[in-house]
Amino acid sequence: MFIQTERTPNPLTLKFLPGRDVAEGGAQFARGDDTARSPLAGTLLAIDGVEGIYLGADFVSVTKSEQADWMLLKPLILSDIMEHFTSGRPVLTGEGDAAAAPAVDEDEVTATIRELIDTRVRPAVAQDGGDIVFEGFDHGIVYLQMHGACSGCPSSTMTLKNGIETMLKHYVPEVVEVRQV
């Protein structure tokens, strides 16, 4: 098994591509979280210096502490990911993140916002090792949650304001602002 790695805009996060499906819908874990539903996340977070894991559709984003060194962490992470996938164990043992599931009774504006996020924003952000999940729309404000490489990324505010907010305002006049949750 060959696992590719890619840098992300966040210098504390690397994207690992195992060449197979990982977690449709995504799942995020941080040091100290209960990782019972993801054996892979539990294994990776047990590595000293690993602070966060985001399991994307076909990638694993790993966020390290500022003090940790990628030269030391990367071989351990690659080994654990390879061992996990060759063992045949599941990446997630339960349901995926409920936040990715659309609400049943959305109004037309909310449905349009969700569709724009899912079709235009999420695929682009996934290429950088992250994800953005729609959390809600209230009084002109779109609430988004950032995961993986996007969480804590120095350019995330610019992405939200100059990219996502501008695009949503263009297509949905009811949008006044975009905020990170």
N, C-alpha and C. Protein backbone atom coordinates (compact mmCIF):
# COMPACT_ATOMS: atom_id res chain seq x y z
N MET A 1 0.85 -1.18 0.00
CA MET A 1 0.00 0.00 0.00
C MET A 1 0.89 1.24 0.00
N PHE A 2 0.55 2.18 -0.88
CA PHE A 2 1.30 3.43 -0.98
C PHE A 2 0.41 4.57 -0.52
N ILE A 3 0.86 5.35 0.44
CA ILE A 3 0.10 6.47 0.97
C ILE A 3 0.81 7.76 0.57
N GLN A 4 0.11 8.60 -0.15
CA GLN A 4 0.67 9.89 -0.53
C GLN A 4 0.41 10.90 0.58
N THR A 5 1.28 11.90 0.65
CA THR A 5 1.05 13.00 1.59
C THR A 5 1.06 14.30 0.81
N GLU A 6 0.27 15.25 1.31
CA GLU A 6 0.22 16.58 0.69
C GLU A 6 0.26 17.62 1.79
N ARG A 7 0.95 18.71 1.52
CA ARG A 7 0.90 19.85 2.42
C ARG A 7 -0.46 20.50 2.30
N THR A 8 -0.83 21.22 3.34
CA THR A 8 -2.08 21.99 3.33
C THR A 8 -1.72 23.45 3.60
N PRO A 9 -2.66 24.37 3.42
CA PRO A 9 -2.36 25.76 3.76
C PRO A 9 -2.06 25.96 5.24
N ASN A 10 -2.48 25.03 6.07
CA ASN A 10 -2.20 25.09 7.50
C ASN A 10 -0.88 24.35 7.75
N PRO A 11 0.18 25.04 8.17
CA PRO A 11 1.48 24.38 8.36
C PRO A 11 1.48 23.32 9.46
N LEU A 12 0.47 23.31 10.31
CA LEU A 12 0.39 22.30 11.37
C LEU A 12 -0.36 21.05 10.94
N THR A 13 -0.87 21.04 9.70
CA THR A 13 -1.68 19.92 9.23
C THR A 13 -1.13 19.34 7.93
N LEU A 14 -1.04 18.02 7.88
CA LEU A 14 -0.68 17.29 6.66
C LEU A 14 -1.86 16.42 6.26
N LYS A 15 -2.00 16.24 4.95
CA LYS A 15 -3.07 15.42 4.38
C LYS A 15 -2.45 14.11 3.91
N PHE A 16 -3.02 12.99 4.38
CA PHE A 16 -2.55 11.65 4.01
C PHE A 16 -3.60 11.00 3.12
N LEU A 17 -3.20 10.54 1.94
CA LEU A 17 -4.11 9.95 0.96
C LEU A 17 -3.79 8.46 0.81
N PRO A 18 -4.61 7.58 1.42
CA PRO A 18 -4.33 6.15 1.36
C PRO A 18 -4.75 5.48 0.05
N GLY A 19 -5.40 6.23 -0.85
CA GLY A 19 -5.80 5.63 -2.12
C GLY A 19 -7.06 4.78 -2.01
N ARG A 20 -7.86 5.02 -1.01
CA ARG A 20 -9.13 4.30 -0.83
C ARG A 20 -10.08 5.18 -0.03
N ASP A 21 -11.33 4.75 0.03
CA ASP A 21 -12.33 5.49 0.80
C ASP A 21 -11.93 5.49 2.27
N VAL A 22 -12.17 6.61 2.94
CA VAL A 22 -11.86 6.73 4.36
C VAL A 22 -13.15 6.88 5.16
N ALA A 23 -13.81 8.04 5.07
CA ALA A 23 -15.02 8.26 5.87
C ALA A 23 -15.96 9.20 5.15
N GLU A 24 -16.90 8.65 4.42
CA GLU A 24 -17.89 9.48 3.72
C GLU A 24 -18.64 10.33 4.74
N GLY A 25 -18.73 11.62 4.50
CA GLY A 25 -19.40 12.52 5.44
C GLY A 25 -18.46 13.16 6.43
N GLY A 26 -17.28 12.57 6.63
CA GLY A 26 -16.27 13.15 7.49
C GLY A 26 -16.51 12.96 8.98
N ALA A 27 -15.44 13.01 9.72
CA ALA A 27 -15.48 12.92 11.18
C ALA A 27 -14.23 13.58 11.73
N GLN A 28 -14.38 14.33 12.79
CA GLN A 28 -13.26 15.05 13.39
C GLN A 28 -13.05 14.60 14.83
N PHE A 29 -11.78 14.49 15.21
CA PHE A 29 -11.40 14.08 16.56
C PHE A 29 -10.23 14.94 17.01
N ALA A 30 -10.23 15.28 18.29
CA ALA A 30 -9.12 16.04 18.87
C ALA A 30 -8.58 15.28 20.07
N ARG A 31 -7.35 15.60 20.44
CA ARG A 31 -6.77 14.98 21.63
C ARG A 31 -7.72 15.16 22.80
N GLY A 32 -7.99 14.08 23.51
CA GLY A 32 -8.89 14.12 24.64
C GLY A 32 -10.32 13.71 24.30
N ASP A 33 -10.66 13.66 23.00
CA ASP A 33 -12.00 13.22 22.60
C ASP A 33 -12.15 11.72 22.78
N ASP A 34 -13.39 11.27 22.90
CA ASP A 34 -13.69 9.85 22.90
C ASP A 34 -13.55 9.36 21.46
N THR A 35 -12.64 8.44 21.23
CA THR A 35 -12.39 7.93 19.88
C THR A 35 -12.89 6.50 19.71
N ALA A 36 -13.82 6.08 20.58
CA ALA A 36 -14.32 4.71 20.51
C ALA A 36 -14.94 4.38 19.16
N ARG A 37 -15.53 5.37 18.48
CA ARG A 37 -16.15 5.07 17.20
C ARG A 37 -15.17 5.09 16.03
N SER A 38 -13.90 5.40 16.29
CA SER A 38 -12.90 5.37 15.23
C SER A 38 -11.58 4.81 15.74
N PRO A 39 -11.35 3.53 15.48
CA PRO A 39 -10.07 2.94 15.89
C PRO A 39 -8.86 3.65 15.26
N LEU A 40 -9.02 4.10 14.02
CA LEU A 40 -7.92 4.79 13.35
C LEU A 40 -7.60 6.11 14.04
N ALA A 41 -8.62 6.91 14.34
CA ALA A 41 -8.39 8.18 15.04
C ALA A 41 -7.76 7.95 16.40
N GLY A 42 -8.21 6.92 17.11
CA GLY A 42 -7.66 6.60 18.42
C GLY A 42 -6.18 6.26 18.35
N THR A 43 -5.81 5.48 17.35
CA THR A 43 -4.41 5.09 17.17
C THR A 43 -3.55 6.31 16.85
N LEU A 44 -4.02 7.15 15.95
CA LEU A 44 -3.24 8.32 15.55
C LEU A 44 -3.12 9.35 16.67
N LEU A 45 -4.19 9.54 17.43
CA LEU A 45 -4.13 10.50 18.54
C LEU A 45 -3.28 10.00 19.70
N ALA A 46 -2.95 8.73 19.72
CA ALA A 46 -2.07 8.18 20.76
C ALA A 46 -0.60 8.54 20.49
N ILE A 47 -0.30 9.02 19.29
CA ILE A 47 1.06 9.44 18.95
C ILE A 47 1.34 10.78 19.61
N ASP A 48 2.41 10.86 20.37
CA ASP A 48 2.79 12.09 21.04
C ASP A 48 3.04 13.18 20.01
N GLY A 49 2.36 14.30 20.13
CA GLY A 49 2.51 15.41 19.19
C GLY A 49 1.35 15.56 18.24
N VAL A 50 0.52 14.52 18.11
CA VAL A 50 -0.68 14.61 17.25
C VAL A 50 -1.80 15.22 18.08
N GLU A 51 -2.39 16.30 17.57
CA GLU A 51 -3.43 17.02 18.30
C GLU A 51 -4.82 16.86 17.72
N GLY A 52 -4.92 16.56 16.42
CA GLY A 52 -6.24 16.45 15.80
C GLY A 52 -6.22 15.57 14.57
N ILE A 53 -7.38 14.96 14.30
CA ILE A 53 -7.55 14.09 13.14
C ILE A 53 -8.85 14.49 12.46
N TYR A 54 -8.82 14.62 11.14
CA TYR A 54 -10.05 14.76 10.37
C TYR A 54 -10.06 13.65 9.33
N LEU A 55 -11.11 12.86 9.37
CA LEU A 55 -11.28 11.76 8.41
C LEU A 55 -12.19 12.26 7.30
N GLY A 56 -11.64 12.46 6.12
CA GLY A 56 -12.41 12.92 4.97
C GLY A 56 -12.85 11.75 4.12
N ALA A 57 -13.49 12.04 3.01
CA ALA A 57 -14.01 11.00 2.13
C ALA A 57 -12.90 10.06 1.65
N ASP A 58 -11.75 10.62 1.28
CA ASP A 58 -10.66 9.79 0.78
C ASP A 58 -9.29 10.22 1.33
N PHE A 59 -9.30 10.87 2.49
CA PHE A 59 -8.05 11.33 3.08
C PHE A 59 -8.15 11.38 4.60
N VAL A 60 -6.98 11.46 5.22
CA VAL A 60 -6.86 11.65 6.66
C VAL A 60 -6.00 12.89 6.86
N SER A 61 -6.54 13.91 7.51
CA SER A 61 -5.75 15.10 7.85
C SER A 61 -5.30 14.97 9.29
N VAL A 62 -4.02 15.20 9.50
CA VAL A 62 -3.45 15.11 10.85
C VAL A 62 -2.88 16.47 11.22
N THR A 63 -3.30 16.96 12.39
CA THR A 63 -2.80 18.23 12.89
C THR A 63 -1.89 17.96 14.08
N LYS A 64 -0.72 18.57 14.05
CA LYS A 64 0.28 18.36 15.09
C LYS A 64 0.34 19.56 16.02
N SER A 65 1.00 19.39 17.16
CA SER A 65 1.26 20.52 18.04
C SER A 65 2.37 21.37 17.42
N GLU A 66 2.50 22.61 17.86
CA GLU A 66 3.53 23.49 17.30
C GLU A 66 4.93 22.97 17.58
N GLN A 67 5.11 22.28 18.72
CA GLN A 67 6.44 21.81 19.10
C GLN A 67 6.85 20.53 18.35
N ALA A 68 5.88 19.77 17.87
CA ALA A 68 6.19 18.50 17.22
C ALA A 68 6.84 18.73 15.86
N ASP A 69 7.61 17.75 15.41
CA ASP A 69 8.35 17.83 14.16
C ASP A 69 7.79 16.81 13.17
N TRP A 70 7.41 17.29 11.97
CA TRP A 70 6.86 16.38 10.95
C TRP A 70 7.85 15.28 10.58
N MET A 71 9.13 15.57 10.63
CA MET A 71 10.15 14.56 10.27
C MET A 71 10.06 13.35 11.20
N LEU A 72 9.67 13.57 12.46
CA LEU A 72 9.53 12.47 13.41
C LEU A 72 8.13 11.86 13.37
N LEU A 73 7.13 12.69 13.18
CA LEU A 73 5.74 12.21 13.21
C LEU A 73 5.33 11.46 11.95
N LYS A 74 5.74 11.95 10.80
CA LYS A 74 5.25 11.42 9.53
C LYS A 74 5.46 9.91 9.38
N PRO A 75 6.63 9.35 9.69
CA PRO A 75 6.79 7.89 9.55
C PRO A 75 5.86 7.10 10.48
N LEU A 76 5.64 7.61 11.70
CA LEU A 76 4.74 6.93 12.63
C LEU A 76 3.31 6.96 12.12
N ILE A 77 2.88 8.10 11.61
CA ILE A 77 1.53 8.25 11.09
C ILE A 77 1.33 7.35 9.87
N LEU A 78 2.27 7.39 8.95
CA LEU A 78 2.17 6.54 7.75
C LEU A 78 2.08 5.07 8.14
N SER A 79 2.88 4.65 9.07
CA SER A 79 2.87 3.26 9.52
C SER A 79 1.53 2.88 10.13
N ASP A 80 0.99 3.74 10.98
CA ASP A 80 -0.29 3.44 11.62
C ASP A 80 -1.45 3.42 10.62
N ILE A 81 -1.44 4.34 9.66
CA ILE A 81 -2.50 4.35 8.64
C ILE A 81 -2.41 3.08 7.79
N MET A 82 -1.20 2.73 7.37
CA MET A 82 -1.01 1.54 6.56
C MET A 82 -1.45 0.28 7.31
N GLU A 83 -1.06 0.18 8.56
CA GLU A 83 -1.42 -1.00 9.37
C GLU A 83 -2.93 -1.07 9.53
N HIS A 84 -3.56 0.06 9.75
CA HIS A 84 -5.01 0.08 9.94
C HIS A 84 -5.73 -0.44 8.69
N PHE A 85 -5.38 0.09 7.53
CA PHE A 85 -6.08 -0.31 6.31
C PHE A 85 -5.76 -1.74 5.88
N THR A 86 -4.55 -2.20 6.11
CA THR A 86 -4.24 -3.58 5.74
C THR A 86 -4.87 -4.58 6.71
N SER A 87 -5.23 -4.16 7.91
CA SER A 87 -5.87 -5.05 8.88
C SER A 87 -7.34 -5.31 8.55
N GLY A 88 -7.93 -4.40 7.74
CA GLY A 88 -9.34 -4.56 7.39
C GLY A 88 -10.31 -4.02 8.42
N ARG A 89 -9.81 -3.40 9.48
CA ARG A 89 -10.69 -2.82 10.50
C ARG A 89 -11.44 -1.61 9.93
N PRO A 90 -12.62 -1.31 10.46
CA PRO A 90 -13.37 -0.14 9.97
C PRO A 90 -12.73 1.16 10.44
N VAL A 91 -12.90 2.20 9.66
CA VAL A 91 -12.42 3.52 10.04
C VAL A 91 -13.36 4.11 11.09
N LEU A 92 -14.66 3.95 10.86
CA LEU A 92 -15.70 4.40 11.79
C LEU A 92 -16.59 3.21 12.12
N THR A 93 -16.88 3.06 13.39
CA THR A 93 -17.71 1.93 13.80
C THR A 93 -19.18 2.30 13.95
N GLY A 94 -19.50 3.61 13.96
CA GLY A 94 -20.89 4.05 14.13
C GLY A 94 -21.29 4.94 12.99
N GLU A 95 -22.29 5.73 13.24
CA GLU A 95 -22.80 6.67 12.24
C GLU A 95 -21.78 7.78 12.00
N GLY A 96 -21.82 8.38 10.78
CA GLY A 96 -20.97 9.53 10.46
C GLY A 96 -21.47 10.76 11.18
N ASP A 97 -20.82 11.87 10.96
CA ASP A 97 -21.23 13.13 11.59
C ASP A 97 -22.64 13.50 11.17
N ALA A 98 -23.50 13.73 12.14
CA ALA A 98 -24.88 14.12 11.85
C ALA A 98 -24.94 15.49 11.19
N ALA A 99 -23.93 16.33 11.41
CA ALA A 99 -23.94 17.68 10.85
C ALA A 99 -23.95 17.68 9.34
N ALA A 100 -23.47 16.61 8.71
CA ALA A 100 -23.43 16.55 7.26
C ALA A 100 -24.78 16.20 6.66
N ALA A 101 -25.72 15.72 7.46
CA ALA A 101 -27.03 15.33 6.96
C ALA A 101 -27.95 16.55 6.89
N PRO A 102 -28.58 16.77 5.74
CA PRO A 102 -29.46 17.93 5.63
C PRO A 102 -30.71 17.79 6.48
N ALA A 103 -31.20 18.92 6.93
CA ALA A 103 -32.45 18.92 7.69
C ALA A 103 -33.61 18.63 6.74
N VAL A 104 -34.64 18.01 7.25
CA VAL A 104 -35.76 17.59 6.43
C VAL A 104 -36.63 18.78 6.01
N ASP A 105 -36.83 19.74 6.88
CA ASP A 105 -37.77 20.83 6.60
C ASP A 105 -37.08 22.17 6.37
N GLU A 106 -36.05 22.20 5.53
CA GLU A 106 -35.34 23.44 5.24
C GLU A 106 -36.17 24.33 4.31
N ASP A 107 -36.04 25.64 4.53
CA ASP A 107 -36.68 26.56 3.58
C ASP A 107 -35.80 26.65 2.33
N GLU A 108 -36.31 27.33 1.32
CA GLU A 108 -35.62 27.38 0.03
C GLU A 108 -34.25 28.07 0.12
N VAL A 109 -34.15 29.15 0.90
CA VAL A 109 -32.88 29.88 1.04
C VAL A 109 -31.84 28.98 1.71
N THR A 110 -32.22 28.31 2.78
CA THR A 110 -31.30 27.43 3.49
C THR A 110 -30.86 26.27 2.61
N ALA A 111 -31.79 25.71 1.86
CA ALA A 111 -31.46 24.61 0.95
C ALA A 111 -30.48 25.08 -0.13
N THR A 112 -30.66 26.29 -0.63
CA THR A 112 -29.74 26.83 -1.64
C THR A 112 -28.35 27.04 -1.05
N ILE A 113 -28.29 27.59 0.15
CA ILE A 113 -26.99 27.80 0.82
C ILE A 113 -26.29 26.46 1.01
N ARG A 114 -27.02 25.47 1.54
CA ARG A 114 -26.43 24.14 1.77
C ARG A 114 -25.91 23.54 0.46
N GLU A 115 -26.69 23.68 -0.61
CA GLU A 115 -26.27 23.14 -1.90
C GLU A 115 -25.00 23.81 -2.40
N LEU A 116 -24.91 25.14 -2.28
CA LEU A 116 -23.70 25.86 -2.70
C LEU A 116 -22.49 25.42 -1.88
N ILE A 117 -22.67 25.28 -0.58
CA ILE A 117 -21.56 24.83 0.28
C ILE A 117 -21.12 23.43 -0.13
N ASP A 118 -22.09 22.52 -0.31
CA ASP A 118 -21.77 21.13 -0.62
C ASP A 118 -21.17 20.93 -2.01
N THR A 119 -21.62 21.72 -2.99
CA THR A 119 -21.15 21.50 -4.36
C THR A 119 -19.98 22.37 -4.78
N ARG A 120 -19.84 23.56 -4.19
CA ARG A 120 -18.79 24.48 -4.62
C ARG A 120 -17.67 24.66 -3.61
N VAL A 121 -18.01 24.63 -2.34
CA VAL A 121 -17.01 24.93 -1.32
C VAL A 121 -16.33 23.66 -0.80
N ARG A 122 -17.12 22.70 -0.37
CA ARG A 122 -16.55 21.49 0.27
C ARG A 122 -15.55 20.76 -0.63
N PRO A 123 -15.84 20.57 -1.93
CA PRO A 123 -14.84 19.88 -2.76
C PRO A 123 -13.50 20.62 -2.83
N ALA A 124 -13.55 21.94 -2.92
CA ALA A 124 -12.31 22.72 -2.98
C ALA A 124 -11.55 22.66 -1.66
N VAL A 125 -12.27 22.75 -0.56
CA VAL A 125 -11.65 22.71 0.76
C VAL A 125 -11.07 21.31 1.04
N ALA A 126 -11.74 20.28 0.56
CA ALA A 126 -11.24 18.90 0.75
C ALA A 126 -9.89 18.72 0.08
N GLN A 127 -9.66 19.42 -1.03
CA GLN A 127 -8.36 19.32 -1.69
C GLN A 127 -7.24 19.85 -0.80
N ASP A 128 -7.58 20.72 0.14
CA ASP A 128 -6.60 21.26 1.07
C ASP A 128 -6.57 20.49 2.39
N GLY A 129 -7.29 19.36 2.46
CA GLY A 129 -7.25 18.53 3.66
C GLY A 129 -8.23 18.92 4.75
N GLY A 130 -9.28 19.62 4.37
CA GLY A 130 -10.24 20.04 5.38
C GLY A 130 -11.67 19.86 4.93
N ASP A 131 -12.56 20.43 5.69
CA ASP A 131 -13.97 20.38 5.37
C ASP A 131 -14.65 21.57 6.03
N ILE A 132 -15.74 22.00 5.44
CA ILE A 132 -16.57 23.05 6.00
C ILE A 132 -17.99 22.51 6.02
N VAL A 133 -18.58 22.54 7.19
CA VAL A 133 -19.92 21.98 7.37
C VAL A 133 -20.90 23.09 7.69
N PHE A 134 -22.00 23.11 6.96
CA PHE A 134 -23.07 24.08 7.19
C PHE A 134 -23.75 23.75 8.51
N GLU A 135 -23.83 24.74 9.40
CA GLU A 135 -24.47 24.55 10.71
C GLU A 135 -25.83 25.23 10.80
N GLY A 136 -26.03 26.30 10.01
CA GLY A 136 -27.33 26.95 10.07
C GLY A 136 -27.33 28.32 9.39
N PHE A 137 -28.54 28.85 9.25
CA PHE A 137 -28.74 30.17 8.66
C PHE A 137 -29.80 30.87 9.49
N ASP A 138 -29.46 32.04 10.04
CA ASP A 138 -30.38 32.75 10.91
C ASP A 138 -30.19 34.26 10.76
N HIS A 139 -31.24 34.96 10.41
CA HIS A 139 -31.23 36.42 10.29
C HIS A 139 -30.09 36.92 9.38
N GLY A 140 -29.90 36.27 8.25
CA GLY A 140 -28.90 36.70 7.28
C GLY A 140 -27.49 36.19 7.54
N ILE A 141 -27.29 35.47 8.63
CA ILE A 141 -25.95 34.98 8.97
C ILE A 141 -25.87 33.48 8.72
N VAL A 142 -24.84 33.08 7.96
CA VAL A 142 -24.57 31.67 7.70
C VAL A 142 -23.52 31.22 8.70
N TYR A 143 -23.81 30.13 9.40
CA TYR A 143 -22.90 29.57 10.39
C TYR A 143 -22.25 28.32 9.83
N LEU A 144 -20.92 28.31 9.80
CA LEU A 144 -20.15 27.20 9.26
C LEU A 144 -19.16 26.69 10.29
N GLN A 145 -18.92 25.40 10.25
CA GLN A 145 -17.92 24.81 11.13
C GLN A 145 -16.78 24.27 10.26
N MET A 146 -15.56 24.62 10.65
CA MET A 146 -14.39 24.21 9.88
C MET A 146 -13.73 23.01 10.54
N HIS A 147 -13.32 22.06 9.71
CA HIS A 147 -12.71 20.82 10.19
C HIS A 147 -11.37 20.58 9.50
N GLY A 148 -10.59 19.69 10.07
CA GLY A 148 -9.33 19.28 9.46
C GLY A 148 -8.36 20.42 9.33
N ALA A 149 -7.73 20.51 8.16
CA ALA A 149 -6.71 21.53 7.93
C ALA A 149 -7.28 22.94 8.04
N CYS A 150 -8.58 23.09 7.82
CA CYS A 150 -9.20 24.42 7.89
C CYS A 150 -9.31 24.94 9.31
N SER A 151 -9.43 24.04 10.25
CA SER A 151 -9.57 24.44 11.64
C SER A 151 -8.23 24.96 12.15
N GLY A 152 -8.18 26.22 12.47
CA GLY A 152 -6.94 26.82 12.97
C GLY A 152 -5.98 27.27 11.88
N CYS A 153 -6.39 27.16 10.63
CA CYS A 153 -5.52 27.57 9.53
C CYS A 153 -5.41 29.10 9.49
N PRO A 154 -4.20 29.61 9.28
CA PRO A 154 -4.02 31.06 9.24
C PRO A 154 -4.85 31.74 8.15
N SER A 155 -5.14 31.03 7.05
CA SER A 155 -5.90 31.65 5.97
C SER A 155 -7.40 31.35 6.04
N SER A 156 -7.86 30.71 7.11
CA SER A 156 -9.28 30.34 7.18
C SER A 156 -10.21 31.55 7.23
N THR A 157 -9.83 32.61 7.92
CA THR A 157 -10.67 33.80 7.98
C THR A 157 -10.80 34.43 6.60
N MET A 158 -9.71 34.46 5.85
CA MET A 158 -9.75 35.00 4.50
C MET A 158 -10.63 34.12 3.61
N THR A 159 -10.52 32.81 3.77
CA THR A 159 -11.36 31.89 3.00
C THR A 159 -12.83 32.14 3.29
N LEU A 160 -13.16 32.29 4.57
CA LEU A 160 -14.55 32.54 4.95
C LEU A 160 -15.07 33.86 4.39
N LYS A 161 -14.34 34.93 4.63
CA LYS A 161 -14.82 36.26 4.27
C LYS A 161 -14.68 36.57 2.78
N ASN A 162 -13.50 36.38 2.23
CA ASN A 162 -13.26 36.76 0.83
C ASN A 162 -13.74 35.71 -0.17
N GLY A 163 -13.82 34.48 0.27
CA GLY A 163 -14.24 33.43 -0.65
C GLY A 163 -15.68 33.04 -0.49
N ILE A 164 -15.98 32.39 0.61
CA ILE A 164 -17.30 31.81 0.83
C ILE A 164 -18.36 32.90 0.99
N GLU A 165 -18.09 33.90 1.82
CA GLU A 165 -19.09 34.95 2.04
C GLU A 165 -19.40 35.70 0.75
N THR A 166 -18.39 36.03 -0.03
CA THR A 166 -18.59 36.74 -1.29
C THR A 166 -19.42 35.91 -2.25
N MET A 167 -19.11 34.62 -2.36
CA MET A 167 -19.84 33.74 -3.26
C MET A 167 -21.29 33.58 -2.82
N LEU A 168 -21.52 33.36 -1.53
CA LEU A 168 -22.90 33.20 -1.04
C LEU A 168 -23.72 34.47 -1.23
N LYS A 169 -23.12 35.63 -0.95
CA LYS A 169 -23.84 36.90 -1.14
C LYS A 169 -24.22 37.09 -2.61
N HIS A 170 -23.36 36.64 -3.51
CA HIS A 170 -23.64 36.77 -4.94
C HIS A 170 -24.86 35.94 -5.35
N TYR A 171 -24.92 34.69 -4.88
CA TYR A 171 -25.99 33.78 -5.29
C TYR A 171 -27.23 33.86 -4.40
N VAL A 172 -27.07 34.30 -3.17
CA VAL A 172 -28.19 34.33 -2.22
C VAL A 172 -28.21 35.72 -1.57
N PRO A 173 -29.03 36.61 -2.11
CA PRO A 173 -29.07 37.99 -1.59
C PRO A 173 -29.43 38.10 -0.11
N GLU A 174 -30.09 37.08 0.44
CA GLU A 174 -30.47 37.10 1.85
C GLU A 174 -29.27 36.96 2.79
N VAL A 175 -28.13 36.49 2.27
CA VAL A 175 -26.93 36.32 3.09
C VAL A 175 -26.28 37.67 3.33
N VAL A 176 -26.05 37.97 4.62
CA VAL A 176 -25.43 39.22 5.03
C VAL A 176 -24.00 38.98 5.49
N GLU A 177 -23.78 37.83 6.14
CA GLU A 177 -22.48 37.54 6.73
C GLU A 177 -22.29 36.04 6.88
N VAL A 178 -21.02 35.61 6.94
CA VAL A 178 -20.67 34.21 7.22
C VAL A 178 -19.81 34.20 8.47
N ARG A 179 -20.16 33.32 9.40
CA ARG A 179 -19.41 33.22 10.66
C ARG A 179 -18.99 31.78 10.91
N GLN A 180 -17.81 31.65 11.50
CA GLN A 180 -17.33 30.34 11.92
C GLN A 180 -17.89 30.03 13.30
N VAL A 181 -18.35 28.80 13.48
CA VAL A 181 -18.88 28.37 14.77
C VAL A 181 -17.75 27.79 15.59
